[in-house]
């Protein structure tokens, strides 16, 4: 049986590829954090949507996302997801990111993304 978080991630990846931002926003908590790039975050659904719209343009409306392995560590209503996320686009060669996601289970039992960090440990400054 597939974990419902994996289904949410697949749904998010498909929505990103299709630029279906309405569906994508339904996968995030209201106060979610998206790492746009190391040192730059978007907080909340309005900012995250604007970020994804800009990301789509940056990647020439051809962003591709694929997961090549996921590990879910779950306790109570919180889950840490470690993933090998492949990111590519017409103007961006395929790279594997060691992504880190945090999901929170809401009162209806639905897992929503509260932290979306496709860069993983890359966000840690070299001087720290």
N, C-alpha and C. Protein backbone atom coordinates (compact mmCIF):
# COMPACT_ATOMS: atom_id res chain seq x y z
N UNK A 1 0.84 -1.18 0.00
CA UNK A 1 0.00 0.00 0.00
C UNK A 1 0.89 1.25 0.00
N UNK A 2 0.57 2.21 -0.85
CA UNK A 2 1.34 3.43 -0.97
C UNK A 2 0.93 4.41 0.12
N UNK A 3 1.90 5.03 0.75
CA UNK A 3 1.64 6.04 1.77
C UNK A 3 0.95 7.25 1.12
N UNK A 4 0.00 7.83 1.80
CA UNK A 4 -0.74 8.97 1.23
C UNK A 4 0.17 10.18 0.97
N UNK A 5 1.27 10.29 1.69
CA UNK A 5 2.22 11.37 1.41
C UNK A 5 2.84 11.20 0.03
N UNK A 6 3.14 9.98 -0.34
CA UNK A 6 3.70 9.73 -1.67
C UNK A 6 2.70 10.15 -2.74
N UNK A 7 1.43 9.87 -2.50
CA UNK A 7 0.39 10.30 -3.44
C UNK A 7 0.33 11.82 -3.53
N UNK A 8 0.47 12.50 -2.39
CA UNK A 8 0.47 13.96 -2.39
C UNK A 8 1.68 14.51 -3.18
N UNK A 9 2.83 13.89 -3.01
CA UNK A 9 4.02 14.33 -3.73
C UNK A 9 3.85 14.12 -5.23
N UNK A 10 3.30 12.98 -5.62
CA UNK A 10 3.03 12.74 -7.05
C UNK A 10 2.06 13.78 -7.60
N UNK A 11 1.04 14.08 -6.83
CA UNK A 11 0.05 15.08 -7.23
C UNK A 11 0.72 16.45 -7.38
N UNK A 12 1.59 16.80 -6.44
CA UNK A 12 2.30 18.08 -6.49
C UNK A 12 3.22 18.14 -7.71
N UNK A 13 3.97 17.07 -7.94
CA UNK A 13 4.88 17.04 -9.10
C UNK A 13 4.11 17.21 -10.40
N UNK A 14 2.99 16.51 -10.53
CA UNK A 14 2.16 16.63 -11.74
C UNK A 14 1.61 18.04 -11.89
N UNK A 15 1.19 18.65 -10.78
CA UNK A 15 0.66 20.01 -10.83
C UNK A 15 1.75 21.01 -11.21
N UNK A 16 2.96 20.82 -10.72
CA UNK A 16 4.07 21.71 -11.08
C UNK A 16 4.35 21.61 -12.57
N UNK A 17 4.43 20.40 -13.07
CA UNK A 17 4.71 20.18 -14.49
C UNK A 17 3.61 20.79 -15.36
N UNK A 18 2.35 20.63 -14.95
CA UNK A 18 1.21 21.14 -15.71
C UNK A 18 0.95 22.62 -15.45
N UNK A 19 1.70 23.21 -14.50
CA UNK A 19 1.48 24.59 -14.08
C UNK A 19 0.04 24.78 -13.60
N UNK A 20 -0.47 23.79 -12.90
CA UNK A 20 -1.81 23.82 -12.29
C UNK A 20 -1.64 24.29 -10.85
N UNK A 21 -1.52 25.59 -10.68
CA UNK A 21 -1.19 26.15 -9.37
C UNK A 21 -2.35 26.07 -8.38
N UNK A 22 -3.58 26.00 -8.86
CA UNK A 22 -4.72 25.82 -7.94
C UNK A 22 -4.62 24.48 -7.24
N UNK A 23 -4.40 23.42 -8.01
CA UNK A 23 -4.23 22.09 -7.42
C UNK A 23 -3.01 22.07 -6.50
N UNK A 24 -1.93 22.67 -6.94
CA UNK A 24 -0.69 22.68 -6.16
C UNK A 24 -0.90 23.34 -4.80
N UNK A 25 -1.61 24.46 -4.75
CA UNK A 25 -1.81 25.15 -3.48
C UNK A 25 -2.64 24.32 -2.50
N UNK A 26 -3.45 23.42 -3.00
CA UNK A 26 -4.23 22.53 -2.14
C UNK A 26 -3.40 21.51 -1.40
N UNK A 27 -2.13 21.39 -1.74
CA UNK A 27 -1.23 20.41 -1.13
C UNK A 27 -0.41 21.04 0.00
N UNK A 28 -0.46 22.37 0.12
CA UNK A 28 0.32 23.08 1.13
C UNK A 28 -0.54 23.52 2.31
N UNK A 29 0.08 23.61 3.49
CA UNK A 29 -0.57 24.23 4.63
C UNK A 29 -0.63 25.74 4.37
N UNK A 30 -1.50 26.44 5.08
CA UNK A 30 -1.64 27.88 4.87
C UNK A 30 -0.36 28.64 5.16
N UNK A 31 0.42 28.16 6.13
CA UNK A 31 1.64 28.85 6.55
C UNK A 31 2.91 28.14 6.07
N UNK A 32 2.80 27.37 5.01
CA UNK A 32 3.93 26.59 4.49
C UNK A 32 5.10 27.48 4.10
N UNK A 33 6.29 26.86 4.07
CA UNK A 33 7.52 27.51 3.64
C UNK A 33 8.05 26.77 2.42
N UNK A 34 8.37 27.52 1.37
CA UNK A 34 8.99 26.98 0.16
C UNK A 34 10.36 27.60 0.03
N UNK A 35 11.40 26.76 -0.06
CA UNK A 35 12.74 27.27 -0.35
C UNK A 35 12.81 27.49 -1.86
N UNK A 36 12.84 28.75 -2.25
CA UNK A 36 12.92 29.10 -3.67
C UNK A 36 14.31 28.80 -4.20
N UNK A 37 15.29 29.21 -3.40
CA UNK A 37 16.70 28.93 -3.64
C UNK A 37 17.39 29.15 -2.30
N UNK A 38 18.58 28.62 -2.12
CA UNK A 38 19.25 28.83 -0.83
C UNK A 38 19.30 30.32 -0.47
N UNK A 39 18.79 30.62 0.73
CA UNK A 39 18.76 32.00 1.20
C UNK A 39 17.51 32.77 0.86
N UNK A 40 16.59 32.16 0.11
CA UNK A 40 15.36 32.85 -0.30
C UNK A 40 14.16 31.91 -0.16
N UNK A 41 13.23 32.30 0.72
CA UNK A 41 12.05 31.48 0.98
C UNK A 41 10.78 32.25 0.66
N UNK A 42 9.73 31.49 0.36
CA UNK A 42 8.38 32.04 0.24
C UNK A 42 7.57 31.43 1.38
N UNK A 43 6.79 32.26 2.07
CA UNK A 43 6.00 31.79 3.21
C UNK A 43 4.53 32.09 2.95
N UNK A 44 3.70 31.06 3.09
CA UNK A 44 2.27 31.21 2.88
C UNK A 44 1.89 30.92 1.44
N UNK A 45 0.63 30.52 1.25
CA UNK A 45 0.18 30.08 -0.07
C UNK A 45 0.26 31.18 -1.14
N UNK A 46 -0.05 32.41 -0.78
CA UNK A 46 0.00 33.49 -1.79
C UNK A 46 1.42 33.66 -2.30
N UNK A 47 2.38 33.72 -1.40
CA UNK A 47 3.79 33.89 -1.80
C UNK A 47 4.30 32.66 -2.54
N UNK A 48 3.88 31.47 -2.10
CA UNK A 48 4.32 30.24 -2.76
C UNK A 48 3.78 30.17 -4.18
N UNK A 49 2.53 30.54 -4.36
CA UNK A 49 1.96 30.54 -5.72
C UNK A 49 2.73 31.50 -6.62
N UNK A 50 2.98 32.71 -6.14
CA UNK A 50 3.74 33.69 -6.94
C UNK A 50 5.12 33.15 -7.27
N UNK A 51 5.74 32.47 -6.31
CA UNK A 51 7.07 31.89 -6.55
C UNK A 51 7.00 30.83 -7.64
N UNK A 52 6.01 29.94 -7.58
CA UNK A 52 5.90 28.90 -8.61
C UNK A 52 5.58 29.48 -9.98
N UNK A 53 4.80 30.55 -10.02
CA UNK A 53 4.54 31.20 -11.31
C UNK A 53 5.84 31.76 -11.89
N UNK A 54 6.67 32.36 -11.06
CA UNK A 54 7.96 32.89 -11.52
C UNK A 54 8.92 31.77 -11.89
N UNK A 55 8.89 30.69 -11.12
CA UNK A 55 9.75 29.53 -11.41
C UNK A 55 9.39 28.95 -12.78
N UNK A 56 8.10 28.87 -13.08
CA UNK A 56 7.66 28.33 -14.38
C UNK A 56 8.23 29.17 -15.52
N UNK A 57 8.18 30.48 -15.38
CA UNK A 57 8.72 31.36 -16.42
C UNK A 57 10.23 31.20 -16.52
N UNK A 58 10.91 31.15 -15.36
CA UNK A 58 12.37 31.00 -15.35
C UNK A 58 12.81 29.74 -16.10
N UNK A 59 12.04 28.65 -15.91
CA UNK A 59 12.38 27.39 -16.57
C UNK A 59 11.68 27.24 -17.92
N UNK A 60 11.29 28.36 -18.51
CA UNK A 60 10.70 28.40 -19.85
C UNK A 60 9.48 27.49 -19.98
N UNK A 61 8.68 27.45 -18.92
CA UNK A 61 7.44 26.66 -18.87
C UNK A 61 7.67 25.20 -19.26
N UNK A 62 8.82 24.67 -18.86
CA UNK A 62 9.13 23.29 -19.19
C UNK A 62 9.73 22.52 -18.01
N UNK A 63 9.46 22.99 -16.80
CA UNK A 63 10.03 22.33 -15.62
C UNK A 63 9.52 20.90 -15.50
N UNK A 64 10.44 19.98 -15.26
CA UNK A 64 10.12 18.58 -15.05
C UNK A 64 10.62 18.17 -13.67
N UNK A 65 9.79 17.44 -12.94
CA UNK A 65 10.13 16.97 -11.60
C UNK A 65 9.86 15.48 -11.55
N UNK A 66 10.79 14.74 -10.96
CA UNK A 66 10.62 13.29 -10.80
C UNK A 66 11.30 12.86 -9.51
N UNK A 67 10.66 11.98 -8.79
CA UNK A 67 11.24 11.45 -7.56
C UNK A 67 11.93 10.12 -7.87
N UNK A 68 13.16 9.99 -7.41
CA UNK A 68 13.90 8.73 -7.57
C UNK A 68 14.27 8.21 -6.20
N UNK A 69 13.26 7.90 -5.44
CA UNK A 69 13.48 7.36 -4.11
C UNK A 69 13.00 8.31 -3.03
N UNK A 70 12.18 7.79 -2.13
CA UNK A 70 11.64 8.57 -1.02
C UNK A 70 11.74 7.74 0.25
N UNK A 71 12.01 8.41 1.35
CA UNK A 71 11.98 7.78 2.67
C UNK A 71 11.12 8.67 3.56
N UNK A 72 10.15 8.08 4.24
CA UNK A 72 9.24 8.83 5.10
C UNK A 72 9.48 8.42 6.54
N UNK A 73 9.73 9.42 7.39
CA UNK A 73 9.88 9.21 8.82
C UNK A 73 8.70 9.92 9.47
N UNK A 74 7.82 9.15 10.10
CA UNK A 74 6.55 9.68 10.58
C UNK A 74 6.40 9.50 12.08
N UNK A 75 5.89 10.54 12.74
CA UNK A 75 5.52 10.46 14.14
C UNK A 75 4.31 11.35 14.36
N UNK A 76 3.27 10.80 14.90
CA UNK A 76 2.05 11.58 15.14
C UNK A 76 1.55 12.24 13.88
N UNK A 77 1.41 13.57 13.95
CA UNK A 77 0.88 14.31 12.81
C UNK A 77 1.98 15.01 11.99
N UNK A 78 3.23 14.54 12.15
CA UNK A 78 4.37 15.14 11.44
C UNK A 78 5.15 14.06 10.72
N UNK A 79 5.59 14.37 9.51
CA UNK A 79 6.41 13.42 8.75
C UNK A 79 7.53 14.17 8.05
N UNK A 80 8.72 13.61 8.12
CA UNK A 80 9.88 14.10 7.39
C UNK A 80 10.05 13.21 6.17
N UNK A 81 10.17 13.84 5.01
CA UNK A 81 10.36 13.08 3.77
C UNK A 81 11.72 13.45 3.20
N UNK A 82 12.54 12.44 2.97
CA UNK A 82 13.83 12.60 2.32
C UNK A 82 13.69 12.04 0.91
N UNK A 83 14.12 12.80 -0.08
CA UNK A 83 13.87 12.38 -1.45
C UNK A 83 15.06 12.69 -2.35
N UNK A 84 15.23 11.86 -3.35
CA UNK A 84 16.13 12.16 -4.46
C UNK A 84 15.22 12.72 -5.56
N UNK A 85 15.24 14.02 -5.71
CA UNK A 85 14.34 14.70 -6.64
C UNK A 85 15.12 15.13 -7.86
N UNK A 86 14.68 14.68 -9.03
CA UNK A 86 15.33 15.04 -10.28
C UNK A 86 14.60 16.25 -10.85
N UNK A 87 15.35 17.31 -11.10
CA UNK A 87 14.81 18.56 -11.64
C UNK A 87 15.48 18.81 -12.98
N UNK A 88 14.66 19.12 -13.99
CA UNK A 88 15.21 19.46 -15.30
C UNK A 88 14.25 20.39 -16.03
N UNK A 89 14.75 21.00 -17.09
CA UNK A 89 13.95 21.89 -17.94
C UNK A 89 14.70 22.07 -19.24
N UNK A 90 14.04 22.66 -20.25
CA UNK A 90 14.74 22.89 -21.53
C UNK A 90 16.03 23.70 -21.37
N UNK A 91 16.06 24.59 -20.37
CA UNK A 91 17.24 25.44 -20.15
C UNK A 91 18.01 25.04 -18.90
N UNK A 92 17.81 23.80 -18.43
CA UNK A 92 18.41 23.37 -17.16
C UNK A 92 18.65 21.86 -17.22
N UNK A 93 19.91 21.43 -17.23
CA UNK A 93 20.18 19.99 -17.31
C UNK A 93 19.67 19.26 -16.06
N UNK A 94 19.34 18.00 -16.22
CA UNK A 94 18.83 17.22 -15.10
C UNK A 94 19.85 17.15 -13.96
N UNK A 95 19.37 17.48 -12.76
CA UNK A 95 20.18 17.36 -11.56
C UNK A 95 19.36 16.63 -10.50
N UNK A 96 20.07 15.89 -9.66
CA UNK A 96 19.40 15.22 -8.55
C UNK A 96 19.64 16.05 -7.30
N UNK A 97 18.55 16.46 -6.68
CA UNK A 97 18.62 17.20 -5.43
C UNK A 97 18.24 16.27 -4.29
N UNK A 98 18.94 16.39 -3.19
CA UNK A 98 18.64 15.63 -1.97
C UNK A 98 17.61 16.43 -1.17
N UNK A 99 16.37 16.34 -1.60
CA UNK A 99 15.30 17.18 -1.05
C UNK A 99 14.86 16.73 0.34
N UNK A 100 14.34 17.72 1.08
CA UNK A 100 13.78 17.49 2.41
C UNK A 100 12.42 18.17 2.47
N UNK A 101 11.40 17.40 2.79
CA UNK A 101 10.04 17.93 2.91
C UNK A 101 9.49 17.59 4.28
N UNK A 102 8.66 18.47 4.81
CA UNK A 102 7.95 18.17 6.05
C UNK A 102 6.46 18.24 5.74
N UNK A 103 5.75 17.21 6.14
CA UNK A 103 4.30 17.16 5.98
C UNK A 103 3.64 17.14 7.34
N UNK A 104 2.48 17.77 7.41
CA UNK A 104 1.70 17.83 8.64
C UNK A 104 0.30 17.29 8.34
N UNK A 105 -0.19 16.42 9.21
CA UNK A 105 -1.53 15.87 9.03
C UNK A 105 -2.54 16.84 9.63
N UNK A 106 -3.54 17.24 8.82
CA UNK A 106 -4.53 18.18 9.33
C UNK A 106 -5.63 17.45 10.11
N UNK A 107 -6.61 18.20 10.60
CA UNK A 107 -7.67 17.63 11.44
C UNK A 107 -8.54 16.62 10.70
N UNK A 108 -8.50 16.65 9.37
CA UNK A 108 -9.27 15.69 8.56
C UNK A 108 -8.43 14.47 8.18
N UNK A 109 -7.19 14.43 8.67
CA UNK A 109 -6.31 13.29 8.38
C UNK A 109 -5.59 13.38 7.05
N UNK A 110 -5.58 14.56 6.44
CA UNK A 110 -4.92 14.76 5.15
C UNK A 110 -3.52 15.31 5.39
N UNK A 111 -2.53 14.70 4.74
CA UNK A 111 -1.15 15.16 4.84
C UNK A 111 -0.94 16.34 3.90
N UNK A 112 -0.46 17.47 4.45
CA UNK A 112 -0.17 18.66 3.67
C UNK A 112 1.29 19.06 3.87
N UNK A 113 1.88 19.60 2.84
CA UNK A 113 3.28 20.01 2.91
C UNK A 113 3.39 21.31 3.69
N UNK A 114 4.21 21.30 4.74
CA UNK A 114 4.43 22.51 5.53
C UNK A 114 5.82 23.12 5.26
N UNK A 115 6.76 22.30 4.84
CA UNK A 115 8.09 22.79 4.44
C UNK A 115 8.50 22.06 3.16
N UNK A 116 8.81 22.82 2.14
CA UNK A 116 9.20 22.28 0.83
C UNK A 116 10.60 22.79 0.54
N UNK A 117 11.58 21.93 0.74
CA UNK A 117 12.99 22.30 0.56
C UNK A 117 13.63 21.33 -0.42
N UNK A 118 13.50 21.62 -1.69
CA UNK A 118 14.08 20.73 -2.69
C UNK A 118 15.60 20.78 -2.71
N UNK A 119 16.19 21.76 -2.02
CA UNK A 119 17.65 21.88 -1.99
C UNK A 119 18.30 21.09 -0.85
N UNK A 120 17.50 20.62 0.11
CA UNK A 120 18.06 19.86 1.22
C UNK A 120 19.13 20.64 1.95
N UNK A 121 20.24 19.98 2.25
CA UNK A 121 21.32 20.60 3.02
C UNK A 121 22.07 21.69 2.27
N UNK A 122 21.83 21.84 0.97
CA UNK A 122 22.49 22.90 0.22
C UNK A 122 22.16 24.28 0.77
N UNK A 123 21.08 24.41 1.54
CA UNK A 123 20.71 25.72 2.07
C UNK A 123 21.61 26.16 3.23
N UNK A 124 22.40 25.22 3.74
CA UNK A 124 23.31 25.56 4.83
C UNK A 124 24.49 26.33 4.27
N UNK A 125 24.72 27.54 4.81
CA UNK A 125 25.82 28.37 4.34
C UNK A 125 27.16 27.70 4.61
N UNK A 126 28.08 27.92 3.73
CA UNK A 126 29.42 27.33 3.86
C UNK A 126 30.19 27.90 5.05
N UNK A 127 29.80 29.10 5.52
CA UNK A 127 30.51 29.73 6.64
C UNK A 127 29.98 29.35 7.99
N UNK A 128 28.93 28.51 8.04
CA UNK A 128 28.35 28.13 9.34
C UNK A 128 28.82 26.78 9.78
